[in-house]
C-alpha atoms as a PDB file:
ATOM      1  CA  MET A   1      85.706  64.639 174.906  1.00  0.00           C
ATOM      2  CA  PHE A   2      83.952  65.148 178.220  1.00  0.00           C
ATOM      3  CA  ALA A   3      86.165  62.716 180.140  1.00  0.00           C
ATOM      4  CA  ASN A   4      88.863  65.340 180.628  1.00  0.00           C
ATOM      5  CA  PHE A   5      86.372  68.155 181.300  1.00  0.00           C
ATOM      6  CA  SER A   6      87.363  69.544 184.713  1.00  0.00           C
ATOM      7  CA  ILE A   7      86.130  72.232 187.092  1.00  0.00           C
ATOM      8  CA  ILE A   8      88.710  74.612 185.624  1.00  0.00           C
ATOM      9  CA  ASP A   9      87.147  74.154 182.191  1.00  0.00           C
ATOM     10  CA  ILE A  10      83.714  74.973 183.588  1.00  0.00           C
ATOM     11  CA  VAL A  11      85.067  78.121 185.237  1.00  0.00           C
ATOM     12  CA  ASP A  12      86.820  79.018 181.970  1.00  0.00           C
ATOM     13  CA  VAL A  13      83.572  78.753 179.996  1.00  0.00           C
ATOM     14  CA  LEU A  14      81.622  80.741 182.584  1.00  0.00           C
ATOM     15  CA  LEU A  15      84.218  83.538 182.603  1.00  0.00           C
ATOM     16  CA  VAL A  16      84.186  83.798 178.811  1.00  0.00           C
ATOM     17  CA  ALA A  17      80.370  83.871 178.867  1.00  0.00           C
ATOM     18  CA  ALA A  18      80.412  86.605 181.514  1.00  0.00           C
ATOM     19  CA  ILE A  19      82.860  88.727 179.504  1.00  0.00           C
ATOM     20  CA  LEU A  20      80.794  88.308 176.330  1.00  0.00           C
ATOM     21  CA  TYR A  21      77.624  89.257 178.195  1.00  0.00           C
ATOM     22  CA  TYR A  22      79.311  92.329 179.683  1.00  0.00           C
ATOM     23  CA  PHE A  23      80.503  93.473 176.254  1.00  0.00           C
ATOM     24  CA  TYR A  24      77.002  92.773 174.922  1.00  0.00           C
ATOM     25  CA  ARG A  25      75.573  95.195 177.490  1.00  0.00           C
ATOM     26  CA  LEU A  26      78.186  97.844 176.657  1.00  0.00           C
ATOM     27  CA  MET A  27      77.498  97.520 172.933  1.00  0.00           C
ATOM     28  CA  LYS A  28      73.754  97.689 173.502  1.00  0.00           C
ATOM     29  CA  GLU A  29      74.088 100.861 175.575  1.00  0.00           C
ATOM     30  CA  SER A  30      76.330 102.496 172.959  1.00  0.00           C
ATOM     31  CA  GLY A  31      74.087 101.520 170.031  1.00  0.00           C
ATOM     32  CA  SER A  32      76.662  99.121 168.517  1.00  0.00           C
ATOM     33  CA  LEU A  33      74.746  95.892 169.128  1.00  0.00           C
ATOM     34  CA  ASN A  34      74.538  94.953 165.435  1.00  0.00           C
ATOM     35  CA  VAL A  35      78.318  95.272 165.138  1.00  0.00           C
ATOM     36  CA  PHE A  36      78.766  93.019 168.167  1.00  0.00           C
ATOM     37  CA  ILE A  37      76.449  90.380 166.649  1.00  0.00           C
ATOM     38  CA  GLY A  38      78.331  90.617 163.362  1.00  0.00           C
ATOM     39  CA  ILE A  39      81.636  90.002 165.158  1.00  0.00           C
ATOM     40  CA  LEU A  40      80.195  86.911 166.873  1.00  0.00           C
ATOM     41  CA  VAL A  41      78.890  85.563 163.552  1.00  0.00           C
ATOM     42  CA  PHE A  42      82.298  86.062 161.929  1.00  0.00           C
ATOM     43  CA  PHE A  43      83.987  84.354 164.878  1.00  0.00           C
ATOM     44  CA  PHE A  44      81.775  81.254 164.629  1.00  0.00           C
ATOM     45  CA  ILE A  45      82.291  81.071 160.856  1.00  0.00           C
ATOM     46  CA  TRP A  46      86.053  81.232 161.455  1.00  0.00           C
ATOM     47  CA  VAL A  47      85.855  78.355 163.969  1.00  0.00           C
ATOM     48  CA  ILE A  48      83.806  76.227 161.563  1.00  0.00           C
ATOM     49  CA  VAL A  49      86.032  76.934 158.558  1.00  0.00           C
ATOM     50  CA  SER A  50      89.377  76.563 160.348  1.00  0.00           C
ATOM     51  CA  TYR A  51      88.735  73.782 162.863  1.00  0.00           C
ATOM     52  CA  LEU A  52      85.681  71.783 161.832  1.00  0.00           C
ATOM     53  CA  LEU A  53      85.915  71.824 158.021  1.00  0.00           C
ATOM     54  CA  ASP A  54      89.699  72.274 157.930  1.00  0.00           C
ATOM     55  CA  MET A  55      89.541  74.532 154.852  1.00  0.00           C
ATOM     56  CA  ARG A  56      93.182  75.579 154.676  1.00  0.00           C
ATOM     57  CA  LEU A  57      93.100  78.419 152.153  1.00  0.00           C
ATOM     58  CA  LEU A  58      89.983  80.194 153.432  1.00  0.00           C
ATOM     59  CA  GLY A  59      91.012  79.360 156.998  1.00  0.00           C
ATOM     60  CA  SER A  60      94.436  80.978 156.565  1.00  0.00           C
ATOM     61  CA  ILE A  61      92.821  84.127 155.151  1.00  0.00           C
ATOM     62  CA  MET A  62      90.401  84.322 158.055  1.00  0.00           C
ATOM     63  CA  ASP A  63      93.266  83.652 160.491  1.00  0.00           C
ATOM     64  CA  GLN A  64      95.027  86.759 159.198  1.00  0.00           C
ATOM     65  CA  LEU A  65      91.816  88.771 159.461  1.00  0.00           C
ATOM     66  CA  MET A  66      91.361  87.601 163.045  1.00  0.00           C
ATOM     67  CA  SER A  67      94.914  88.565 164.051  1.00  0.00           C
ATOM     68  CA  VAL A  68      94.715  92.011 162.444  1.00  0.00           C
ATOM     69  CA  GLY A  69      91.057  92.425 163.399  1.00  0.00           C
ATOM     70  CA  THR A  70      91.834  92.300 167.113  1.00  0.00           C
ATOM     71  CA  ILE A  71      93.890  95.487 166.859  1.00  0.00           C
ATOM     72  CA  ALA A  72      91.302  97.068 164.560  1.00  0.00           C
ATOM     73  CA  LEU A  73      88.500  96.327 167.032  1.00  0.00           C
ATOM     74  CA  ILE A  74      90.432  97.952 169.880  1.00  0.00           C
ATOM     75  CA  VAL A  75      90.869 101.080 167.748  1.00  0.00           C
ATOM     76  CA  ILE A  76      87.256 101.146 166.585  1.00  0.00           C
ATOM     77  CA  PHE A  77      85.741 100.372 169.984  1.00  0.00           C
ATOM     78  CA  HIS A  78      88.313 102.147 172.143  1.00  0.00           C
ATOM     79  CA  GLU A  79      85.552 103.987 174.013  1.00  0.00           C
ATOM     80  CA  GLU A  80      83.733 100.762 174.906  1.00  0.00           C
ATOM     81  CA  VAL A  81      87.009  99.085 175.944  1.00  0.00           C
ATOM     82  CA  ARG A  82      87.861 102.119 178.060  1.00  0.00           C
ATOM     83  CA  ASN A  83      84.452 101.998 179.721  1.00  0.00           C
ATOM     84  CA  PHE A  84      84.896  98.277 180.395  1.00  0.00           C
ATOM     85  CA  PHE A  85      88.132  98.774 182.324  1.00  0.00           C
ATOM     86  CA  LYS A  86      86.800 101.897 184.020  1.00  0.00           C
ATOM     87  CA  ARG A  87      83.748 100.022 185.316  1.00  0.00           C
ATOM     88  CA  LEU A  88      85.991  97.181 186.389  1.00  0.00           C
ATOM     89  CA  GLY A  89      88.209  99.553 188.332  1.00  0.00           C
ATOM     90  CA  SER A  90      85.262 101.387 189.885  1.00  0.00           C
ATOM     91  CA  ASN A  91      83.682  98.200 191.193  1.00  0.00           C
ATOM     92  CA  ARG A  92      82.844  98.683 194.857  1.00  0.00           C
ATOM     93  CA  ARG A  93      84.572  95.442 195.833  1.00  0.00           C
ATOM     94  CA  LEU A  94      87.782  96.721 194.272  1.00  0.00           C
ATOM     95  CA  ARG A  95      87.419 100.274 195.519  1.00  0.00           C
ATOM     96  CA  PHE A  96      89.909  99.647 198.345  1.00  0.00           C
ATOM     97  CA  ILE A  97      92.672  99.444 195.708  1.00  0.00           C
ATOM     98  CA  SER A  98      91.892 102.817 194.195  1.00  0.00           C
ATOM     99  CA  SER A  99      91.638 104.378 197.651  1.00  0.00           C
ATOM    100  CA  TYR A 100      95.423 104.156 197.958  1.00  0.00           C
ATOM    101  CA  PHE A 101      95.860 106.204 194.791  1.00  0.00           C
ATOM    102  CA  SER A 102      93.082 108.767 195.291  1.00  0.00           C
ATOM    103  CA  ARG A 103      93.193 109.731 198.936  1.00  0.00           C
ATOM    104  CA  LYS A 104      91.715 113.142 199.642  1.00  0.00           C
ATOM    105  CA  ASP A 105      92.298 115.424 202.578  1.00  0.00           C
ATOM    106  CA  SER A 106      89.520 115.350 205.150  1.00  0.00           C
ATOM    107  CA  GLU A 107      89.155 119.109 204.890  1.00  0.00           C
ATOM    108  CA  ASP A 108      88.329 118.748 201.192  1.00  0.00           C
ATOM    109  CA  ASP A 109      85.661 116.073 201.432  1.00  0.00           C
ATOM    110  CA  GLY A 110      82.961 118.301 199.944  1.00  0.00           C
ATOM    111  CA  ASN A 111      80.648 118.342 202.990  1.00  0.00           C
ATOM    112  CA  GLU A 112      80.698 122.134 203.114  1.00  0.00           C
ATOM    113  CA  ALA A 113      79.417 122.257 199.529  1.00  0.00           C
ATOM    114  CA  VAL A 114      76.211 120.319 200.243  1.00  0.00           C
ATOM    115  CA  VAL A 115      74.117 123.149 201.703  1.00  0.00           C
ATOM    116  CA  PRO A 116      75.031 125.790 199.061  1.00  0.00           C
ATOM    117  CA  ILE A 117      74.319 123.317 196.249  1.00  0.00           C
ATOM    118  CA  VAL A 118      70.958 122.300 197.753  1.00  0.00           C
ATOM    119  CA  LEU A 119      69.899 125.907 198.338  1.00  0.00           C
ATOM    120  CA  ALA A 120      70.950 126.919 194.819  1.00  0.00           C
ATOM    121  CA  CYS A 121      69.067 123.992 193.251  1.00  0.00           C
ATOM    122  CA  ALA A 122      65.936 124.715 195.293  1.00  0.00           C
ATOM    123  CA  SER A 123      66.043 128.383 194.281  1.00  0.00           C
ATOM    124  CA  MET A 124      66.637 127.612 190.590  1.00  0.00           C
ATOM    125  CA  ALA A 125      63.896 124.974 190.633  1.00  0.00           C
ATOM    126  CA  GLN A 126      61.428 127.517 191.969  1.00  0.00           C
ATOM    127  CA  GLN A 127      62.393 129.975 189.209  1.00  0.00           C
ATOM    128  CA  LYS A 128      62.633 127.227 186.546  1.00  0.00           C
ATOM    129  CA  VAL A 129      66.251 127.998 185.749  1.00  0.00           C
ATOM    130  CA  GLY A 130      67.985 125.092 184.044  1.00  0.00           C
ATOM    131  CA  ALA A 131      71.188 123.795 185.655  1.00  0.00           C
ATOM    132  CA  LEU A 132      73.609 120.890 185.453  1.00  0.00           C
ATOM    133  CA  ILE A 133      76.002 120.276 188.358  1.00  0.00           C
ATOM    134  CA  VAL A 134      78.525 117.420 188.313  1.00  0.00           C
ATOM    135  CA  ILE A 135      80.167 116.404 191.593  1.00  0.00           C
ATOM    136  CA  GLU A 136      83.467 114.590 191.200  1.00  0.00           C
ATOM    137  CA  LYS A 137      84.111 111.522 193.350  1.00  0.00           C
ATOM    138  CA  ASN A 138      86.947 109.020 192.803  1.00  0.00           C
ATOM    139  CA  ASP A 139      87.142 109.176 189.007  1.00  0.00           C
ATOM    140  CA  PRO A 140      89.018 112.358 187.976  1.00  0.00           C
ATOM    141  CA  LEU A 141      87.092 114.735 185.728  1.00  0.00           C
ATOM    142  CA  GLY A 142      90.024 116.875 184.614  1.00  0.00           C
ATOM    143  CA  GLU A 143      89.427 116.017 180.963  1.00  0.00           C
ATOM    144  CA  ILE A 144      85.786 117.100 181.226  1.00  0.00           C
ATOM    145  CA  ALA A 145      86.724 120.262 183.132  1.00  0.00           C
ATOM    146  CA  SER A 146      89.204 121.210 180.391  1.00  0.00           C
ATOM    147  CA  THR A 147      86.300 121.597 177.928  1.00  0.00           C
ATOM    148  CA  GLY A 148      84.906 124.531 179.909  1.00  0.00           C
ATOM    149  CA  GLU A 149      86.004 127.789 181.501  1.00  0.00           C
ATOM    150  CA  VAL A 150      88.163 127.687 184.622  1.00  0.00           C
ATOM    151  CA  ILE A 151      86.392 129.021 187.726  1.00  0.00           C
ATOM    152  CA  ASN A 152      88.398 127.648 190.687  1.00  0.00           C
ATOM    153  CA  ALA A 153      86.246 129.249 193.383  1.00  0.00           C
ATOM    154  CA  ASN A 154      84.586 128.116 196.576  1.00  0.00           C
ATOM    155  CA  VAL A 155      81.125 126.605 196.132  1.00  0.00           C
ATOM    156  CA  GLY A 156      78.497 129.224 196.908  1.00  0.00           C
ATOM    157  CA  GLN A 157      74.765 129.490 196.361  1.00  0.00           C
ATOM    158  CA  ARG A 158      74.923 132.911 194.700  1.00  0.00           C
ATOM    159  CA  LEU A 159      77.814 131.888 192.473  1.00  0.00           C
ATOM    160  CA  ILE A 160      75.958 128.805 191.215  1.00  0.00           C
ATOM    161  CA  GLU A 161      72.808 130.835 190.558  1.00  0.00           C
ATOM    162  CA  ALA A 162      74.842 133.508 188.767  1.00  0.00           C
ATOM    163  CA  ILE A 163      76.511 130.934 186.505  1.00  0.00           C
ATOM    164  CA  PHE A 164      73.184 129.393 185.460  1.00  0.00           C
ATOM    165  CA  PHE A 165      71.285 132.682 185.134  1.00  0.00           C
ATOM    166  CA  LYS A 166      69.477 132.558 181.798  1.00  0.00           C
ATOM    167  CA  ASN A 167      71.391 135.445 180.218  1.00  0.00           C
ATOM    168  CA  ALA A 168      74.769 134.599 181.750  1.00  0.00           C
ATOM    169  CA  PRO A 169      77.541 133.661 179.277  1.00  0.00           C
ATOM    170  CA  LEU A 170      78.355 130.420 181.149  1.00  0.00           C
ATOM    171  CA  HIS A 171      74.836 129.086 181.708  1.00  0.00           C
ATOM    172  CA  ASP A 172      75.092 126.438 178.977  1.00  0.00           C
ATOM    173  CA  GLY A 173      76.865 123.215 179.872  1.00  0.00           C
ATOM    174  CA  ALA A 174      77.788 121.846 183.283  1.00  0.00           C
ATOM    175  CA  ILE A 175      79.809 122.988 186.264  1.00  0.00           C
ATOM    176  CA  ILE A 176      82.328 120.591 187.815  1.00  0.00           C
ATOM    177  CA  VAL A 177      82.540 120.519 191.608  1.00  0.00           C
ATOM    178  CA  ARG A 178      85.599 118.972 193.252  1.00  0.00           C
ATOM    179  CA  GLY A 179      85.459 118.917 197.028  1.00  0.00           C
ATOM    180  CA  ASN A 180      84.392 122.407 198.103  1.00  0.00           C
ATOM    181  CA  ARG A 181      85.495 124.107 194.889  1.00  0.00           C
ATOM    182  CA  ILE A 182      83.844 124.830 191.569  1.00  0.00           C
ATOM    183  CA  VAL A 183      86.576 123.821 189.147  1.00  0.00           C
ATOM    184  CA  ALA A 184      85.045 124.882 185.833  1.00  0.00           C
ATOM    185  CA  ALA A 185      81.810 125.942 184.158  1.00  0.00           C
ATOM    186  CA  GLN A 186      80.276 125.553 180.690  1.00  0.00           C
ATOM    187  CA  CYS A 187      81.754 122.037 180.472  1.00  0.00           C
ATOM    188  CA  ILE A 188      80.723 119.600 177.754  1.00  0.00           C
ATOM    189  CA  LEU A 189      79.545 116.186 178.962  1.00  0.00           C
ATOM    190  CA  PRO A 190      79.174 112.928 177.046  1.00  0.00           C
ATOM    191  CA  VAL A 191      75.567 112.309 175.998  1.00  0.00           C
ATOM    192  CA  SER A 192      73.928 109.005 176.879  1.00  0.00           C
ATOM    193  CA  HIS A 193      72.267 107.030 174.094  1.00  0.00           C
ATOM    194  CA  ASP A 194      70.369 104.777 176.474  1.00  0.00           C
ATOM    195  CA  LEU A 195      66.979 104.135 174.862  1.00  0.00           C
ATOM    196  CA  SER A 196      65.351 103.556 178.249  1.00  0.00           C
ATOM    197  CA  ILE A 197      65.625 107.247 179.185  1.00  0.00           C
ATOM    198  CA  PRO A 198      62.128 108.789 179.057  1.00  0.00           C
ATOM    199  CA  LYS A 199      61.621 110.907 175.935  1.00  0.00           C
ATOM    200  CA  GLU A 200      60.338 113.848 177.959  1.00  0.00           C
ATOM    201  CA  LEU A 201      63.791 114.272 179.511  1.00  0.00           C
ATOM    202  CA  GLY A 202      65.979 116.663 177.545  1.00  0.00           C
ATOM    203  CA  LEU A 203      69.643 117.084 176.687  1.00  0.00           C
ATOM    204  CA  ARG A 204      70.660 118.070 180.224  1.00  0.00           C
ATOM    205  CA  HIS A 205      69.306 114.794 181.571  1.00  0.00           C
ATOM    206  CA  ARG A 206      71.002 112.786 178.825  1.00  0.00           C
ATOM    207  CA  SER A 207      74.285 114.571 179.549  1.00  0.00           C
ATOM    208  CA  ALA A 208      73.901 113.854 183.262  1.00  0.00           C
ATOM    209  CA  MET A 209      73.286 110.191 182.509  1.00  0.00           C
ATOM    210  CA  GLY A 210      76.244 110.170 180.125  1.00  0.00           C
ATOM    211  CA  ILE A 211      78.707 111.237 182.825  1.00  0.00           C
ATOM    212  CA  ALA A 212      77.049 108.916 185.371  1.00  0.00           C
ATOM    213  CA  GLU A 213      77.485 105.966 182.997  1.00  0.00           C
ATOM    214  CA  LYS A 214      81.150 106.638 182.292  1.00  0.00           C
ATOM    215  CA  THR A 215      82.313 107.723 185.767  1.00  0.00           C
ATOM    216  CA  ASP A 216      81.275 107.476 189.414  1.00  0.00           C
ATOM    217  CA  ALA A 217      80.383 111.176 189.459  1.00  0.00           C
ATOM    218  CA  LEU A 218      77.010 112.406 190.693  1.00  0.00           C
ATOM    219  CA  ALA A 219      75.125 114.742 188.350  1.00  0.00           C
ATOM    220  CA  ILE A 220      72.324 117.078 189.469  1.00  0.00           C
ATOM    221  CA  VAL A 221      69.845 118.421 186.925  1.00  0.00           C
ATOM    222  CA  VAL A 222      67.351 121.238 187.367  1.00  0.00           C
ATOM    223  CA  SER A 223      64.811 121.181 184.557  1.00  0.00           C
ATOM    224  CA  GLU A 224      64.208 124.468 182.778  1.00  0.00           C
ATOM    225  CA  GLU A 225      60.764 123.311 181.630  1.00  0.00           C
ATOM    226  CA  THR A 226      59.334 121.932 184.884  1.00  0.00           C
ATOM    227  CA  GLY A 227      61.737 123.021 187.620  1.00  0.00           C
ATOM    228  CA  ALA A 228      62.080 119.391 188.743  1.00  0.00           C
ATOM    229  CA  ILE A 229      65.326 118.316 190.403  1.00  0.00           C
ATOM    230  CA  SER A 230      66.895 115.017 189.324  1.00  0.00           C
ATOM    231  CA  VAL A 231      70.094 113.151 190.152  1.00  0.00           C
ATOM    232  CA  ALA A 232      71.997 110.730 187.911  1.00  0.00           C
ATOM    233  CA  LYS A 233      74.231 108.279 189.742  1.00  0.00           C
ATOM    234  CA  ASP A 234      75.742 104.904 188.777  1.00  0.00           C
ATOM    235  CA  GLY A 235      73.846 104.927 185.479  1.00  0.00           C
ATOM    236  CA  LYS A 236      70.442 105.458 187.139  1.00  0.00           C
ATOM    237  CA  PHE A 237      68.092 108.409 187.605  1.00  0.00           C
ATOM    238  CA  MET A 238      66.440 109.654 190.773  1.00  0.00           C
ATOM    239  CA  LEU A 239      63.685 111.962 189.551  1.00  0.00           C
ATOM    240  CA  ASN A 240      61.470 114.662 191.061  1.00  0.00           C
ATOM    241  CA  LEU A 241      63.477 115.233 194.234  1.00  0.00           C
ATOM    242  CA  ASP A 242      62.751 117.870 196.833  1.00  0.00           C
ATOM    243  CA  ALA A 243      65.459 119.826 198.660  1.00  0.00           C
ATOM    244  CA  HIS A 244      65.404 117.520 201.682  1.00  0.00           C
ATOM    245  CA  LYS A 245      65.894 114.364 199.595  1.00  0.00           C
ATOM    246  CA  LEU A 246      68.646 116.026 197.554  1.00  0.00           C
ATOM    247  CA  GLU A 247      70.480 116.952 200.754  1.00  0.00           C
ATOM    248  CA  GLU A 248      70.212 113.336 201.962  1.00  0.00           C
ATOM    249  CA  ILE A 249      71.711 112.040 198.707  1.00  0.00           C
ATOM    250  CA  LEU A 250      74.588 114.522 198.731  1.00  0.00           C
ATOM    251  CA  SER A 251      75.331 114.019 202.417  1.00  0.00           C
ATOM    252  CA  ALA A 252      75.455 110.252 201.942  1.00  0.00           C
ATOM    253  CA  GLN A 253      78.266 110.464 199.373  1.00  0.00           C
ATOM    254  CA  ASP A 254      81.723 109.242 200.400  1.00  0.00           C
END
């Protein structure tokens, strides 16, 4: 059995293990870990019944379930599959490929938006006005923007503060910033179900983490309770930032 075991077979096993581990992490983050374990158990039972015990009748039934189940799993877990390919495409080592399809004009690189956003966040933090600002990078956020109200205006400190003013009609939800423009306000973001997020962080923080998990966007949160400024990026939080640190983070973005 092991006489014909080559380097290619070792690589094959390692790749399958890596894919299974990656899907395990996705399922764990989405709260579907028990389903993933159940699928693995069914798969091993199918292997034992069909190949080791050679039970033809039960094996043929399970063969049909496996063939149909593949399509069913894609339908049921379409969000996880979508996230898998999105993370694969957003890998930094493969980013040079996407750069050919998402080139942006140098005049629209978003550098002019940094200072107004920082000043607005610092002002809202001082007044304890809650805010959620999502800055688009390479992954398009048109679908998220379509859930809100179209703004299509230049980024400005007063405009941001006016949108998130406590009694303003658009203060709930997030604003989407693309380059130097505010595309939309009152946008609905996906909510993260990551159990590692501290319980004291509210829905705004979970929404910021949700968009940071699914895209390469950067999400800024101003807490209404404490006035603290936080940033969610690449599925991680940077908490309790001052204006200077926030400016460094925004200025460092591609």
